[in-house]
Amino acid sequence: MPTLAQTLKRIREAGAARRDPAITRTLVRGTADLKASGILDGVVKAGDRAPLFARPNLSHDTVRLARVLRGGPVVVSFFRGRW
């Protein structure tokens, strides 16, 4: 079974193979520029404690982290929206 990192790499490579190479270069350059800006210094990293939050899910029901944590460890995934 592939690791998450391997799966994500495969997805990135498949996307790059379908795109115009100029677009891929722009995306790679933009990512590099963001990293160089230091913006990642403020990003929550794997293993960091998340602030207790309440947010709507896709069904518009409020999900509260404190309540979900009662059931054990939690993985939080951020969905940027429909494109």
C-alpha atoms as a PDB file:
ATOM      1  CA  MET A   1       0.000   0.000   0.000  1.00  0.00           C
ATOM      2  CA  PRO A   2       1.497   3.365  -0.990  1.00  0.00           C
ATOM      3  CA  THR A   3       2.120   6.010   1.641  1.00  0.00           C
ATOM      4  CA  LEU A   4       0.198   9.271   1.610  1.00  0.00           C
ATOM      5  CA  ALA A   5       3.319  11.056   0.332  1.00  0.00           C
ATOM      6  CA  GLN A   6       3.623   8.572  -2.543  1.00  0.00           C
ATOM      7  CA  THR A   7      -0.046   8.931  -3.425  1.00  0.00           C
ATOM      8  CA  LEU A   8       0.130  12.736  -3.398  1.00  0.00           C
ATOM      9  CA  LYS A   9       3.256  12.661  -5.565  1.00  0.00           C
ATOM     10  CA  ARG A  10       1.468  10.415  -8.087  1.00  0.00           C
ATOM     11  CA  ILE A  11      -1.512  12.800  -8.162  1.00  0.00           C
ATOM     12  CA  ARG A  12       0.775  15.828  -8.692  1.00  0.00           C
ATOM     13  CA  GLU A  13       2.653  14.067 -11.479  1.00  0.00           C
ATOM     14  CA  ALA A  14      -0.570  13.002 -13.208  1.00  0.00           C
ATOM     15  CA  GLY A  15      -1.860  16.581 -13.069  1.00  0.00           C
ATOM     16  CA  ALA A  16       1.388  17.935 -14.464  1.00  0.00           C
ATOM     17  CA  ALA A  17       1.261  15.418 -17.329  1.00  0.00           C
ATOM     18  CA  ARG A  18      -2.198  16.694 -18.323  1.00  0.00           C
ATOM     19  CA  ARG A  19      -1.410  20.419 -18.071  1.00  0.00           C
ATOM     20  CA  ASP A  20       0.360  22.766 -20.398  1.00  0.00           C
ATOM     21  CA  PRO A  21       4.009  22.770 -19.160  1.00  0.00           C
ATOM     22  CA  ALA A  22       3.926  26.580 -18.922  1.00  0.00           C
ATOM     23  CA  ILE A  23       1.113  26.358 -16.378  1.00  0.00           C
ATOM     24  CA  THR A  24       3.027  23.771 -14.357  1.00  0.00           C
ATOM     25  CA  ARG A  25       6.113  26.028 -14.348  1.00  0.00           C
ATOM     26  CA  THR A  26       3.954  28.921 -13.098  1.00  0.00           C
ATOM     27  CA  LEU A  27       2.494  26.771 -10.318  1.00  0.00           C
ATOM     28  CA  VAL A  28       5.929  25.497  -9.255  1.00  0.00           C
ATOM     29  CA  ARG A  29       7.374  29.033  -9.307  1.00  0.00           C
ATOM     30  CA  GLY A  30       4.442  30.375  -7.273  1.00  0.00           C
ATOM     31  CA  THR A  31       4.872  27.643  -4.672  1.00  0.00           C
ATOM     32  CA  ALA A  32       8.609  28.347  -4.458  1.00  0.00           C
ATOM     33  CA  ASP A  33       7.930  32.085  -4.070  1.00  0.00           C
ATOM     34  CA  LEU A  34       5.490  31.423  -1.225  1.00  0.00           C
ATOM     35  CA  LYS A  35       7.988  29.171   0.564  1.00  0.00           C
ATOM     36  CA  ALA A  36      10.750  31.771   0.126  1.00  0.00           C
ATOM     37  CA  SER A  37       8.496  34.479   1.586  1.00  0.00           C
ATOM     38  CA  GLY A  38       8.494  32.763   4.978  1.00  0.00           C
ATOM     39  CA  ILE A  39       4.724  32.314   4.975  1.00  0.00           C
ATOM     40  CA  LEU A  40       5.113  28.684   6.028  1.00  0.00           C
ATOM     41  CA  ASP A  41       6.609  29.785   9.360  1.00  0.00           C
ATOM     42  CA  GLY A  42       3.074  30.540  10.577  1.00  0.00           C
ATOM     43  CA  VAL A  43       1.431  27.399   9.206  1.00  0.00           C
ATOM     44  CA  VAL A  44       0.193  24.735  11.599  1.00  0.00           C
ATOM     45  CA  LYS A  45       2.287  21.602  11.186  1.00  0.00           C
ATOM     46  CA  ALA A  46       1.447  17.923  11.633  1.00  0.00           C
ATOM     47  CA  GLY A  47       1.433  17.147  15.340  1.00  0.00           C
ATOM     48  CA  ASP A  48       0.732  20.744  16.456  1.00  0.00           C
ATOM     49  CA  ARG A  49      -2.201  21.327  18.774  1.00  0.00           C
ATOM     50  CA  ALA A  50      -5.128  22.864  17.003  1.00  0.00           C
ATOM     51  CA  PRO A  51      -7.153  25.593  18.634  1.00  0.00           C
ATOM     52  CA  LEU A  52     -10.582  24.416  19.709  1.00  0.00           C
ATOM     53  CA  PHE A  53     -12.905  25.473  16.939  1.00  0.00           C
ATOM     54  CA  ALA A  54     -16.435  25.029  15.642  1.00  0.00           C
ATOM     55  CA  ARG A  55     -17.036  25.066  11.888  1.00  0.00           C
ATOM     56  CA  PRO A  56     -19.823  23.974   9.553  1.00  0.00           C
ATOM     57  CA  ASN A  57     -19.293  20.808   7.549  1.00  0.00           C
ATOM     58  CA  LEU A  58     -20.531  20.257   4.000  1.00  0.00           C
ATOM     59  CA  SER A  59     -23.997  19.453   5.396  1.00  0.00           C
ATOM     60  CA  HIS A  60     -23.993  22.797   7.238  1.00  0.00           C
ATOM     61  CA  ASP A  61     -23.936  21.045  10.626  1.00  0.00           C
ATOM     62  CA  THR A  62     -21.614  22.611  13.196  1.00  0.00           C
ATOM     63  CA  VAL A  63     -18.668  20.374  14.073  1.00  0.00           C
ATOM     64  CA  ARG A  64     -16.925  21.166  17.356  1.00  0.00           C
ATOM     65  CA  LEU A  65     -13.373  19.911  17.753  1.00  0.00           C
ATOM     66  CA  ALA A  66     -13.741  19.517  21.526  1.00  0.00           C
ATOM     67  CA  ARG A  67     -16.656  17.144  21.019  1.00  0.00           C
ATOM     68  CA  VAL A  68     -14.938  15.111  18.300  1.00  0.00           C
ATOM     69  CA  LEU A  69     -11.815  14.774  20.473  1.00  0.00           C
ATOM     70  CA  ARG A  70     -13.858  12.965  23.107  1.00  0.00           C
ATOM     71  CA  GLY A  71     -13.844   9.988  20.745  1.00  0.00           C
ATOM     72  CA  GLY A  72     -10.039   9.936  20.434  1.00  0.00           C
ATOM     73  CA  PRO A  73      -7.371  11.409  18.170  1.00  0.00           C
ATOM     74  CA  VAL A  74      -8.545  13.531  15.246  1.00  0.00           C
ATOM     75  CA  VAL A  75      -7.167  14.269  11.790  1.00  0.00           C
ATOM     76  CA  VAL A  76      -8.232  17.668  10.470  1.00  0.00           C
ATOM     77  CA  SER A  77      -8.342  18.152   6.709  1.00  0.00           C
ATOM     78  CA  PHE A  78      -8.950  21.565   5.201  1.00  0.00           C
ATOM     79  CA  PHE A  79     -11.133  21.671   2.098  1.00  0.00           C
ATOM     80  CA  ARG A  80     -10.557  24.837   0.101  1.00  0.00           C
ATOM     81  CA  GLY A  81     -13.874  24.734  -1.678  1.00  0.00           C
ATOM     82  CA  ARG A  82     -15.290  23.738  -5.007  1.00  0.00           C
ATOM     83  CA  TRP A  83     -13.343  24.933  -8.037  1.00  0.00           C
END
